[in-house]
């Protein structure tokens, strides 16, 4: 398993099954079709209504956050030539980030 995927909460069996599925051209076509379906605004409304209803049955109140584009940070990984891109976005539903001081005096 690659280092990029070690933090994912999937078992080795799940990882192997997904890897195998992605080698299958028919699966990839269906996956792309599904992703396009998710982008359709009407389908998004339907899915959100279904998810909201399911969560309300469990006693949960949910809100969907639709982040607005912000900017991209480009960096390189420490001790590596590999590039790293961090997409930063914003939403009025999420508070501004804050920083706190550590005993060492460094901001976090």
PDB file of N, CA and C in Angstrom:
ATOM      1  N   UNK A   1       0.852  -1.172   0.000  1.00  0.00           N
ATOM      2  CA  UNK A   1       0.000   0.000   0.000  1.00  0.00           C
ATOM      3  C   UNK A   1       0.897   1.233   0.000  1.00  0.00           C
ATOM      4  N   UNK A   2       0.581   2.210  -0.829  1.00  0.00           N
ATOM      5  CA  UNK A   2       1.438   3.389  -0.922  1.00  0.00           C
ATOM      6  C   UNK A   2       1.316   4.252   0.333  1.00  0.00           C
ATOM      7  N   UNK A   3       2.336   5.065   0.602  1.00  0.00           N
ATOM      8  CA  UNK A   3       2.345   5.933   1.780  1.00  0.00           C
ATOM      9  C   UNK A   3       1.163   6.898   1.784  1.00  0.00           C
ATOM     10  N   UNK A   4       0.726   7.339   0.601  1.00  0.00           N
ATOM     11  CA  UNK A   4      -0.381   8.297   0.502  1.00  0.00           C
ATOM     12  C   UNK A   4      -1.670   7.726   1.071  1.00  0.00           C
ATOM     13  N   UNK A   5      -1.827   6.408   1.038  1.00  0.00           N
ATOM     14  CA  UNK A   5      -3.097   5.790   1.406  1.00  0.00           C
ATOM     15  C   UNK A   5      -3.104   5.204   2.811  1.00  0.00           C
ATOM     16  N   UNK A   6      -2.002   5.254   3.527  1.00  0.00           N
ATOM     17  CA  UNK A   6      -1.928   4.626   4.842  1.00  0.00           C
ATOM     18  C   UNK A   6      -2.885   5.238   5.853  1.00  0.00           C
ATOM     19  N   UNK A   7      -3.253   6.514   5.697  1.00  0.00           N
ATOM     20  CA  UNK A   7      -4.154   7.159   6.646  1.00  0.00           C
ATOM     21  C   UNK A   7      -5.630   6.896   6.338  1.00  0.00           C
ATOM     22  N   UNK A   8      -5.918   6.265   5.216  1.00  0.00           N
ATOM     23  CA  UNK A   8      -7.298   5.919   4.912  1.00  0.00           C
ATOM     24  C   UNK A   8      -7.746   4.800   5.833  1.00  0.00           C
ATOM     25  N   UNK A   9      -9.000   4.833   6.203  1.00  0.00           N
ATOM     26  CA  UNK A   9      -9.527   3.820   7.110  1.00  0.00           C
ATOM     27  C   UNK A   9     -10.140   2.675   6.294  1.00  0.00           C
ATOM     28  N   UNK A  10      -9.294   1.964   5.563  1.00  0.00           N
ATOM     29  CA  UNK A  10      -9.745   0.808   4.779  1.00  0.00           C
ATOM     30  C   UNK A  10      -8.844  -0.383   5.103  1.00  0.00           C
ATOM     31  N   UNK A  11      -9.445  -1.546   5.042  1.00  0.00           N
ATOM     32  CA  UNK A  11      -8.663  -2.755   5.293  1.00  0.00           C
ATOM     33  C   UNK A  11      -7.833  -3.088   4.059  1.00  0.00           C
ATOM     34  N   UNK A  12      -6.880  -3.961   4.229  1.00  0.00           N
ATOM     35  CA  UNK A  12      -6.064  -4.404   3.094  1.00  0.00           C
ATOM     36  C   UNK A  12      -6.953  -5.068   2.049  1.00  0.00           C
ATOM     37  N   UNK A  13      -7.948  -5.839   2.507  1.00  0.00           N
ATOM     38  CA  UNK A  13      -8.866  -6.504   1.581  1.00  0.00           C
ATOM     39  C   UNK A  13      -9.653  -5.480   0.763  1.00  0.00           C
ATOM     40  N   UNK A  14     -10.154  -4.433   1.421  1.00  0.00           N
ATOM     41  CA  UNK A  14     -10.887  -3.382   0.708  1.00  0.00           C
ATOM     42  C   UNK A  14      -9.983  -2.690  -0.304  1.00  0.00           C
ATOM     43  N   UNK A  15      -8.778  -2.380   0.119  1.00  0.00           N
ATOM     44  CA  UNK A  15      -7.817  -1.731  -0.772  1.00  0.00           C
ATOM     45  C   UNK A  15      -7.553  -2.606  -1.999  1.00  0.00           C
ATOM     46  N   UNK A  16      -7.325  -3.895  -1.773  1.00  0.00           N
ATOM     47  CA  UNK A  16      -7.058  -4.824  -2.877  1.00  0.00           C
ATOM     48  C   UNK A  16      -8.246  -4.913  -3.826  1.00  0.00           C
ATOM     49  N   UNK A  17      -9.449  -4.954  -3.267  1.00  0.00           N
ATOM     50  CA  UNK A  17     -10.656  -5.052  -4.105  1.00  0.00           C
ATOM     51  C   UNK A  17     -10.856  -3.793  -4.944  1.00  0.00           C
ATOM     52  N   UNK A  18     -10.616  -2.631  -4.344  1.00  0.00           N
ATOM     53  CA  UNK A  18     -10.744  -1.368  -5.097  1.00  0.00           C
ATOM     54  C   UNK A  18      -9.680  -1.308  -6.193  1.00  0.00           C
ATOM     55  N   UNK A  19      -8.461  -1.695  -5.849  1.00  0.00           N
ATOM     56  CA  UNK A  19      -7.369  -1.697  -6.840  1.00  0.00           C
ATOM     57  C   UNK A  19      -7.711  -2.598  -8.015  1.00  0.00           C
ATOM     58  N   UNK A  20      -8.239  -3.778  -7.706  1.00  0.00           N
ATOM     59  CA  UNK A  20      -8.623  -4.721  -8.771  1.00  0.00           C
ATOM     60  C   UNK A  20      -9.744  -4.147  -9.613  1.00  0.00           C
ATOM     61  N   UNK A  21     -10.747  -3.548  -8.956  1.00  0.00           N
ATOM     62  CA  UNK A  21     -11.894  -2.988  -9.680  1.00  0.00           C
ATOM     63  C   UNK A  21     -11.450  -1.888 -10.638  1.00  0.00           C
ATOM     64  N   UNK A  22     -10.502  -1.062 -10.220  1.00  0.00           N
ATOM     65  CA  UNK A  22     -10.048   0.038 -11.070  1.00  0.00           C
ATOM     66  C   UNK A  22      -9.284  -0.434 -12.298  1.00  0.00           C
ATOM     67  N   UNK A  23      -8.877  -1.677 -12.299  1.00  0.00           N
ATOM     68  CA  UNK A  23      -8.224  -2.251 -13.487  1.00  0.00           C
ATOM     69  C   UNK A  23      -9.251  -2.672 -14.539  1.00  0.00           C
ATOM     70  N   UNK A  24     -10.513  -2.762 -14.128  1.00  0.00           N
ATOM     71  CA  UNK A  24     -11.590  -3.207 -14.999  1.00  0.00           C
ATOM     72  C   UNK A  24     -12.177  -2.007 -15.749  1.00  0.00           C
ATOM     73  N   UNK A  25     -12.100  -2.033 -17.067  1.00  0.00           N
ATOM     74  CA  UNK A  25     -12.569  -0.898 -17.876  1.00  0.00           C
ATOM     75  C   UNK A  25     -14.052  -0.612 -17.665  1.00  0.00           C
ATOM     76  N   UNK A  26     -14.885  -1.640 -17.554  1.00  0.00           N
ATOM     77  CA  UNK A  26     -16.325  -1.444 -17.349  1.00  0.00           C
ATOM     78  C   UNK A  26     -16.585  -0.755 -16.010  1.00  0.00           C
ATOM     79  N   UNK A  27     -15.863  -1.165 -14.978  1.00  0.00           N
ATOM     80  CA  UNK A  27     -16.009  -0.522 -13.669  1.00  0.00           C
ATOM     81  C   UNK A  27     -15.645   0.956 -13.761  1.00  0.00           C
ATOM     82  N   UNK A  28     -14.522   1.266 -14.433  1.00  0.00           N
ATOM     83  CA  UNK A  28     -14.104   2.666 -14.566  1.00  0.00           C
ATOM     84  C   UNK A  28     -15.158   3.481 -15.300  1.00  0.00           C
ATOM     85  N   UNK A  29     -15.761   2.908 -16.354  1.00  0.00           N
ATOM     86  CA  UNK A  29     -16.815   3.630 -17.090  1.00  0.00           C
ATOM     87  C   UNK A  29     -18.002   3.912 -16.174  1.00  0.00           C
ATOM     88  N   UNK A  30     -18.418   2.907 -15.396  1.00  0.00           N
ATOM     89  CA  UNK A  30     -19.545   3.086 -14.482  1.00  0.00           C
ATOM     90  C   UNK A  30     -19.214   4.103 -13.389  1.00  0.00           C
ATOM     91  N   UNK A  31     -17.971   4.084 -12.926  1.00  0.00           N
ATOM     92  CA  UNK A  31     -17.545   5.016 -11.889  1.00  0.00           C
ATOM     93  C   UNK A  31     -17.599   6.454 -12.414  1.00  0.00           C
ATOM     94  N   UNK A  32     -17.123   6.672 -13.629  1.00  0.00           N
ATOM     95  CA  UNK A  32     -17.171   8.010 -14.240  1.00  0.00           C
ATOM     96  C   UNK A  32     -18.624   8.440 -14.431  1.00  0.00           C
ATOM     97  N   UNK A  33     -19.467   7.516 -14.868  1.00  0.00           N
ATOM     98  CA  UNK A  33     -20.892   7.819 -15.050  1.00  0.00           C
ATOM     99  C   UNK A  33     -21.519   8.230 -13.713  1.00  0.00           C
ATOM    100  N   UNK A  34     -21.177   7.513 -12.665  1.00  0.00           N
ATOM    101  CA  UNK A  34     -21.693   7.837 -11.324  1.00  0.00           C
ATOM    102  C   UNK A  34     -21.218   9.222 -10.873  1.00  0.00           C
ATOM    103  N   UNK A  35     -19.946   9.529 -11.100  1.00  0.00           N
ATOM    104  CA  UNK A  35     -19.412  10.838 -10.721  1.00  0.00           C
ATOM    105  C   UNK A  35     -20.139  11.956 -11.474  1.00  0.00           C
ATOM    106  N   UNK A  36     -20.409  11.746 -12.751  1.00  0.00           N
ATOM    107  CA  UNK A  36     -21.151  12.751 -13.529  1.00  0.00           C
ATOM    108  C   UNK A  36     -22.571  12.909 -12.994  1.00  0.00           C
ATOM    109  N   UNK A  37     -23.169  11.789 -12.604  1.00  0.00           N
ATOM    110  CA  UNK A  37     -24.519  11.826 -12.041  1.00  0.00           C
ATOM    111  C   UNK A  37     -24.543  12.651 -10.752  1.00  0.00           C
ATOM    112  N   UNK A  38     -23.507  12.517  -9.958  1.00  0.00           N
ATOM    113  CA  UNK A  38     -23.424  13.277  -8.705  1.00  0.00           C
ATOM    114  C   UNK A  38     -23.278  14.774  -8.945  1.00  0.00           C
ATOM    115  N   UNK A  39     -22.725  15.167 -10.082  1.00  0.00           N
ATOM    116  CA  UNK A  39     -22.538  16.585 -10.390  1.00  0.00           C
ATOM    117  C   UNK A  39     -23.838  17.264 -10.818  1.00  0.00           C
ATOM    118  N   UNK A  40     -24.838  16.497 -11.219  1.00  0.00           N
ATOM    119  CA  UNK A  40     -26.112  17.048 -11.683  1.00  0.00           C
ATOM    120  C   UNK A  40     -26.834  17.713 -10.500  1.00  0.00           C
ATOM    121  N   UNK A  41     -27.184  19.009 -10.596  1.00  0.00           N
ATOM    122  CA  UNK A  41     -27.832  19.711  -9.482  1.00  0.00           C
ATOM    123  C   UNK A  41     -29.138  19.055  -9.017  1.00  0.00           C
ATOM    124  N   UNK A  42     -29.912  18.521  -9.943  1.00  0.00           N
ATOM    125  CA  UNK A  42     -31.168  17.859  -9.555  1.00  0.00           C
ATOM    126  C   UNK A  42     -30.892  16.601  -8.744  1.00  0.00           C
ATOM    127  N   UNK A  43     -29.887  15.844  -9.157  1.00  0.00           N
ATOM    128  CA  UNK A  43     -29.522  14.652  -8.400  1.00  0.00           C
ATOM    129  C   UNK A  43     -28.968  15.030  -7.026  1.00  0.00           C
ATOM    130  N   UNK A  44     -28.195  16.112  -6.972  1.00  0.00           N
ATOM    131  CA  UNK A  44     -27.664  16.565  -5.683  1.00  0.00           C
ATOM    132  C   UNK A  44     -28.797  16.886  -4.714  1.00  0.00           C
ATOM    133  N   UNK A  45     -29.839  17.567  -5.210  1.00  0.00           N
ATOM    134  CA  UNK A  45     -30.991  17.892  -4.356  1.00  0.00           C
ATOM    135  C   UNK A  45     -31.648  16.612  -3.849  1.00  0.00           C
ATOM    136  N   UNK A  46     -31.824  15.651  -4.738  1.00  0.00           N
ATOM    137  CA  UNK A  46     -32.440  14.381  -4.363  1.00  0.00           C
ATOM    138  C   UNK A  46     -31.601  13.655  -3.317  1.00  0.00           C
ATOM    139  N   UNK A  47     -30.312  13.538  -3.552  1.00  0.00           N
ATOM    140  CA  UNK A  47     -29.423  12.855  -2.606  1.00  0.00           C
ATOM    141  C   UNK A  47     -29.419  13.559  -1.254  1.00  0.00           C
ATOM    142  N   UNK A  48     -29.364  14.891  -1.266  1.00  0.00           N
ATOM    143  CA  UNK A  48     -29.354  15.631  -0.008  1.00  0.00           C
ATOM    144  C   UNK A  48     -30.649  15.428   0.759  1.00  0.00           C
ATOM    145  N   UNK A  49     -31.769  15.397   0.050  1.00  0.00           N
ATOM    146  CA  UNK A  49     -33.059  15.153   0.704  1.00  0.00           C
ATOM    147  C   UNK A  49     -33.081  13.750   1.321  1.00  0.00           C
ATOM    148  N   UNK A  50     -32.563  12.771   0.600  1.00  0.00           N
ATOM    149  CA  UNK A  50     -32.531  11.397   1.113  1.00  0.00           C
ATOM    150  C   UNK A  50     -31.614  11.287   2.322  1.00  0.00           C
ATOM    151  N   UNK A  51     -30.442  11.897   2.246  1.00  0.00           N
ATOM    152  CA  UNK A  51     -29.492  11.842   3.362  1.00  0.00           C
ATOM    153  C   UNK A  51     -30.072  12.559   4.577  1.00  0.00           C
ATOM    154  N   UNK A  52     -30.698  13.715   4.363  1.00  0.00           N
ATOM    155  CA  UNK A  52     -31.306  14.464   5.453  1.00  0.00           C
ATOM    156  C   UNK A  52     -32.376  13.631   6.138  1.00  0.00           C
ATOM    157  N   UNK A  53     -33.233  12.991   5.351  1.00  0.00           N
ATOM    158  CA  UNK A  53     -34.300  12.161   5.923  1.00  0.00           C
ATOM    159  C   UNK A  53     -33.721  10.996   6.732  1.00  0.00           C
ATOM    160  N   UNK A  54     -32.705  10.341   6.196  1.00  0.00           N
ATOM    161  CA  UNK A  54     -32.087   9.219   6.915  1.00  0.00           C
ATOM    162  C   UNK A  54     -31.452   9.672   8.224  1.00  0.00           C
ATOM    163  N   UNK A  55     -30.775  10.796   8.200  1.00  0.00           N
ATOM    164  CA  UNK A  55     -30.130  11.305   9.407  1.00  0.00           C
ATOM    165  C   UNK A  55     -31.162  11.767  10.430  1.00  0.00           C
ATOM    166  N   UNK A  56     -32.262  12.373   9.966  1.00  0.00           N
ATOM    167  CA  UNK A  56     -33.308  12.811  10.889  1.00  0.00           C
ATOM    168  C   UNK A  56     -33.961  11.610  11.568  1.00  0.00           C
ATOM    169  N   UNK A  57     -34.082  10.480  10.862  1.00  0.00           N
ATOM    170  CA  UNK A  57     -34.604   9.255  11.469  1.00  0.00           C
ATOM    171  C   UNK A  57     -33.738   8.810  12.636  1.00  0.00           C
ATOM    172  N   UNK A  58     -32.443   9.100  12.565  1.00  0.00           N
ATOM    173  CA  UNK A  58     -31.501   8.736  13.630  1.00  0.00           C
ATOM    174  C   UNK A  58     -31.431   9.816  14.712  1.00  0.00           C
ATOM    175  N   UNK A  59     -32.182  10.910  14.525  1.00  0.00           N
ATOM    176  CA  UNK A  59     -32.165  11.996  15.498  1.00  0.00           C
ATOM    177  C   UNK A  59     -31.073  13.018  15.267  1.00  0.00           C
ATOM    178  N   UNK A  60     -30.455  12.993  14.098  1.00  0.00           N
ATOM    179  CA  UNK A  60     -29.381  13.933  13.784  1.00  0.00           C
ATOM    180  C   UNK A  60     -29.893  15.077  12.928  1.00  0.00           C
ATOM    181  N   UNK A  61     -29.459  16.277  13.266  1.00  0.00           N
ATOM    182  CA  UNK A  61     -29.752  17.439  12.428  1.00  0.00           C
ATOM    183  C   UNK A  61     -28.490  17.731  11.635  1.00  0.00           C
ATOM    184  N   UNK A  62     -28.609  17.839  10.325  1.00  0.00           N
ATOM    185  CA  UNK A  62     -27.423  18.059   9.501  1.00  0.00           C
ATOM    186  C   UNK A  62     -27.563  19.319   8.659  1.00  0.00           C
ATOM    187  N   UNK A  63     -26.437  19.851   8.271  1.00  0.00           N
ATOM    188  CA  UNK A  63     -26.368  20.963   7.332  1.00  0.00           C
ATOM    189  C   UNK A  63     -25.298  20.615   6.308  1.00  0.00           C
ATOM    190  N   UNK A  64     -25.556  20.924   5.081  1.00  0.00           N
ATOM    191  CA  UNK A  64     -24.576  20.688   4.027  1.00  0.00           C
ATOM    192  C   UNK A  64     -23.731  21.937   3.843  1.00  0.00           C
ATOM    193  N   UNK A  65     -22.439  21.750   3.864  1.00  0.00           N
ATOM    194  CA  UNK A  65     -21.502  22.854   3.683  1.00  0.00           C
ATOM    195  C   UNK A  65     -21.065  22.866   2.229  1.00  0.00           C
ATOM    196  N   UNK A  66     -21.224  23.997   1.589  1.00  0.00           N
ATOM    197  CA  UNK A  66     -20.801  24.163   0.203  1.00  0.00           C
ATOM    198  C   UNK A  66     -19.665  25.180   0.175  1.00  0.00           C
ATOM    199  N   UNK A  67     -18.442  24.693   0.267  1.00  0.00           N
ATOM    200  CA  UNK A  67     -17.305  25.615   0.327  1.00  0.00           C
ATOM    201  C   UNK A  67     -17.132  26.414  -0.957  1.00  0.00           C
ATOM    202  N   UNK A  68     -16.643  27.624  -0.767  1.00  0.00           N
ATOM    203  CA  UNK A  68     -16.330  28.505  -1.891  1.00  0.00           C
ATOM    204  C   UNK A  68     -14.830  28.421  -2.164  1.00  0.00           C
ATOM    205  N   UNK A  69     -14.435  28.492  -3.425  1.00  0.00           N
ATOM    206  CA  UNK A  69     -13.004  28.430  -3.736  1.00  0.00           C
ATOM    207  C   UNK A  69     -12.240  29.562  -3.057  1.00  0.00           C
ATOM    208  N   UNK A  70     -11.038  29.240  -2.651  1.00  0.00           N
ATOM    209  CA  UNK A  70     -10.161  30.240  -2.053  1.00  0.00           C
ATOM    210  C   UNK A  70      -8.907  30.367  -2.892  1.00  0.00           C
ATOM    211  N   UNK A  71      -7.905  29.558  -2.559  1.00  0.00           N
ATOM    212  CA  UNK A  71      -6.652  29.604  -3.298  1.00  0.00           C
ATOM    213  C   UNK A  71      -5.943  28.263  -3.139  1.00  0.00           C
ATOM    214  N   UNK A  72      -4.857  28.100  -3.872  1.00  0.00           N
ATOM    215  CA  UNK A  72      -4.067  26.871  -3.824  1.00  0.00           C
ATOM    216  C   UNK A  72      -2.662  27.201  -3.359  1.00  0.00           C
ATOM    217  N   UNK A  73      -2.164  26.417  -2.437  1.00  0.00           N
ATOM    218  CA  UNK A  73      -0.771  26.532  -2.005  1.00  0.00           C
ATOM    219  C   UNK A  73       0.019  25.432  -2.693  1.00  0.00           C
ATOM    220  N   UNK A  74       1.129  25.803  -3.284  1.00  0.00           N
ATOM    221  CA  UNK A  74       2.007  24.815  -3.919  1.00  0.00           C
ATOM    222  C   UNK A  74       3.262  24.718  -3.082  1.00  0.00           C
ATOM    223  N   UNK A  75       3.649  23.511  -2.774  1.00  0.00           N
ATOM    224  CA  UNK A  75       4.827  23.302  -1.952  1.00  0.00           C
ATOM    225  C   UNK A  75       5.522  22.034  -2.422  1.00  0.00           C
ATOM    226  N   UNK A  76       6.609  21.710  -1.779  1.00  0.00           N
ATOM    227  CA  UNK A  76       7.266  20.426  -2.011  1.00  0.00           C
ATOM    228  C   UNK A  76       7.382  19.717  -0.674  1.00  0.00           C
ATOM    229  N   UNK A  77       7.351  18.409  -0.714  1.00  0.00           N
ATOM    230  CA  UNK A  77       7.463  17.635   0.497  1.00  0.00           C
ATOM    231  C   UNK A  77       8.886  17.700   1.023  1.00  0.00           C
ATOM    232  N   UNK A  78       9.036  17.707   2.329  1.00  0.00           N
ATOM    233  CA  UNK A  78      10.350  17.797   2.961  1.00  0.00           C
ATOM    234  C   UNK A  78      11.222  16.640   2.489  1.00  0.00           C
ATOM    235  N   UNK A  79      12.474  16.934   2.182  1.00  0.00           N
ATOM    236  CA  UNK A  79      13.446  15.925   1.729  1.00  0.00           C
ATOM    237  C   UNK A  79      12.973  15.184   0.480  1.00  0.00           C
ATOM    238  N   UNK A  80      12.288  15.893  -0.412  1.00  0.00           N
ATOM    239  CA  UNK A  80      11.764  15.235  -1.600  1.00  0.00           C
ATOM    240  C   UNK A  80      11.601  16.244  -2.724  1.00  0.00           C
ATOM    241  N   UNK A  81      11.537  15.742  -3.936  1.00  0.00           N
ATOM    242  CA  UNK A  81      11.234  16.588  -5.085  1.00  0.00           C
ATOM    243  C   UNK A  81       9.740  16.600  -5.382  1.00  0.00           C
ATOM    244  N   UNK A  82       8.968  15.842  -4.632  1.00  0.00           N
ATOM    245  CA  UNK A  82       7.532  15.700  -4.912  1.00  0.00           C
ATOM    246  C   UNK A  82       6.780  16.980  -4.582  1.00  0.00           C
ATOM    247  N   UNK A  83       5.926  17.395  -5.512  1.00  0.00           N
ATOM    248  CA  UNK A  83       5.108  18.586  -5.314  1.00  0.00           C
ATOM    249  C   UNK A  83       3.885  18.231  -4.489  1.00  0.00           C
ATOM    250  N   UNK A  84       3.402  19.230  -3.784  1.00  0.00           N
ATOM    251  CA  UNK A  84       2.225  19.071  -2.949  1.00  0.00           C
ATOM    252  C   UNK A  84       1.333  20.288  -3.184  1.00  0.00           C
ATOM    253  N   UNK A  85       0.054  20.061  -3.444  1.00  0.00           N
ATOM    254  CA  UNK A  85      -0.895  21.150  -3.649  1.00  0.00           C
ATOM    255  C   UNK A  85      -1.948  21.087  -2.545  1.00  0.00           C
ATOM    256  N   UNK A  86      -2.195  22.213  -1.907  1.00  0.00           N
ATOM    257  CA  UNK A  86      -3.194  22.286  -0.840  1.00  0.00           C
ATOM    258  C   UNK A  86      -4.266  23.269  -1.291  1.00  0.00           C
ATOM    259  N   UNK A  87      -5.478  22.760  -1.477  1.00  0.00           N
ATOM    260  CA  UNK A  87      -6.599  23.609  -1.863  1.00  0.00           C
ATOM    261  C   UNK A  87      -7.237  24.189  -0.607  1.00  0.00           C
ATOM    262  N   UNK A  88      -7.314  25.509  -0.536  1.00  0.00           N
ATOM    263  CA  UNK A  88      -7.907  26.186   0.606  1.00  0.00           C
ATOM    264  C   UNK A  88      -9.237  26.776   0.162  1.00  0.00           C
ATOM    265  N   UNK A  89     -10.291  26.478   0.923  1.00  0.00           N
ATOM    266  CA  UNK A  89     -11.607  27.006   0.585  1.00  0.00           C
ATOM    267  C   UNK A  89     -12.212  27.641   1.832  1.00  0.00           C
ATOM    268  N   UNK A  90     -13.408  28.216   1.677  1.00  0.00           N
ATOM    269  CA  UNK A  90     -14.035  28.914   2.798  1.00  0.00           C
ATOM    270  C   UNK A  90     -15.538  28.720   2.753  1.00  0.00           C
ATOM    271  N   UNK A  91     -16.169  28.971   3.896  1.00  0.00           N
ATOM    272  CA  UNK A  91     -17.620  28.915   3.994  1.00  0.00           C
ATOM    273  C   UNK A  91     -18.043  29.792   5.163  1.00  0.00           C
ATOM    274  N   UNK A  92     -19.162  30.483   4.999  1.00  0.00           N
ATOM    275  CA  UNK A  92     -19.703  31.287   6.091  1.00  0.00           C
ATOM    276  C   UNK A  92     -20.173  30.400   7.244  1.00  0.00           C
ATOM    277  N   UNK A  93     -20.353  29.115   6.979  1.00  0.00           N
ATOM    278  CA  UNK A  93     -20.826  28.190   8.010  1.00  0.00           C
ATOM    279  C   UNK A  93     -19.695  27.716   8.927  1.00  0.00           C
ATOM    280  N   UNK A  94     -18.467  27.980   8.539  1.00  0.00           N
ATOM    281  CA  UNK A  94     -17.302  27.533   9.294  1.00  0.00           C
ATOM    282  C   UNK A  94     -16.570  28.764   9.823  1.00  0.00           C
ATOM    283  N   UNK A  95     -16.223  28.736  11.098  1.00  0.00           N
ATOM    284  CA  UNK A  95     -15.530  29.870  11.702  1.00  0.00           C
ATOM    285  C   UNK A  95     -14.118  30.037  11.156  1.00  0.00           C
ATOM    286  N   UNK A  96     -13.582  31.220  11.367  1.00  0.00           N
ATOM    287  CA  UNK A  96     -12.203  31.509  10.951  1.00  0.00           C
ATOM    288  C   UNK A  96     -11.241  30.665  11.778  1.00  0.00           C
ATOM    289  N   UNK A  97     -10.132  30.267  11.186  1.00  0.00           N
ATOM    290  CA  UNK A  97      -9.143  29.525  11.971  1.00  0.00           C
ATOM    291  C   UNK A  97      -8.504  30.417  13.027  1.00  0.00           C
ATOM    292  N   UNK A  98      -8.065  29.796  14.090  1.00  0.00           N
ATOM    293  CA  UNK A  98      -7.377  30.529  15.151  1.00  0.00           C
ATOM    294  C   UNK A  98      -6.035  29.873  15.414  1.00  0.00           C
ATOM    295  N   UNK A  99      -5.181  30.564  16.110  1.00  0.00           N
ATOM    296  CA  UNK A  99      -3.900  29.985  16.499  1.00  0.00           C
ATOM    297  C   UNK A  99      -3.751  30.100  18.003  1.00  0.00           C
ATOM    298  N   UNK A 100      -3.006  29.183  18.561  1.00  0.00           N
ATOM    299  CA  UNK A 100      -2.716  29.219  19.989  1.00  0.00           C
ATOM    300  C   UNK A 100      -1.218  29.083  20.181  1.00  0.00           C
ATOM    301  N   UNK A 101      -0.726  29.637  21.261  1.00  0.00           N
ATOM    302  CA  UNK A 101       0.704  29.553  21.559  1.00  0.00           C
ATOM    303  C   UNK A 101       0.991  28.283  22.326  1.00  0.00           C
ATOM    304  N   UNK A 102       2.112  27.676  21.998  1.00  0.00           N
ATOM    305  CA  UNK A 102       2.602  26.547  22.762  1.00  0.00           C
ATOM    306  C   UNK A 102       3.632  27.075  23.740  1.00  0.00           C
ATOM    307  N   UNK A 103       4.013  26.247  24.690  1.00  0.00           N
ATOM    308  CA  UNK A 103       5.015  26.672  25.661  1.00  0.00           C
ATOM    309  C   UNK A 103       6.330  27.061  24.998  1.00  0.00           C
ATOM    310  N   UNK A 104       6.614  26.454  23.861  1.00  0.00           N
ATOM    311  CA  UNK A 104       7.867  26.767  23.176  1.00  0.00           C
ATOM    312  C   UNK A 104       7.820  28.171  22.568  1.00  0.00           C
ATOM    313  N   UNK A 105       6.633  28.775  22.562  1.00  0.00           N
ATOM    314  CA  UNK A 105       6.502  30.111  22.011  1.00  0.00           C
ATOM    315  C   UNK A 105       6.157  30.129  20.531  1.00  0.00           C
ATOM    316  N   UNK A 106       6.086  28.939  19.911  1.00  0.00           N
ATOM    317  CA  UNK A 106       5.746  28.866  18.491  1.00  0.00           C
ATOM    318  C   UNK A 106       4.243  28.899  18.331  1.00  0.00           C
ATOM    319  N   UNK A 107       3.786  29.568  17.307  1.00  0.00           N
ATOM    320  CA  UNK A 107       2.368  29.579  16.980  1.00  0.00           C
ATOM    321  C   UNK A 107       2.018  28.281  16.278  1.00  0.00           C
ATOM    322  N   UNK A 108       0.828  27.784  16.537  1.00  0.00           N
ATOM    323  CA  UNK A 108       0.360  26.556  15.889  1.00  0.00           C
ATOM    324  C   UNK A 108      -0.892  26.865  15.125  1.00  0.00           C
TER     325      UNK A 108
END
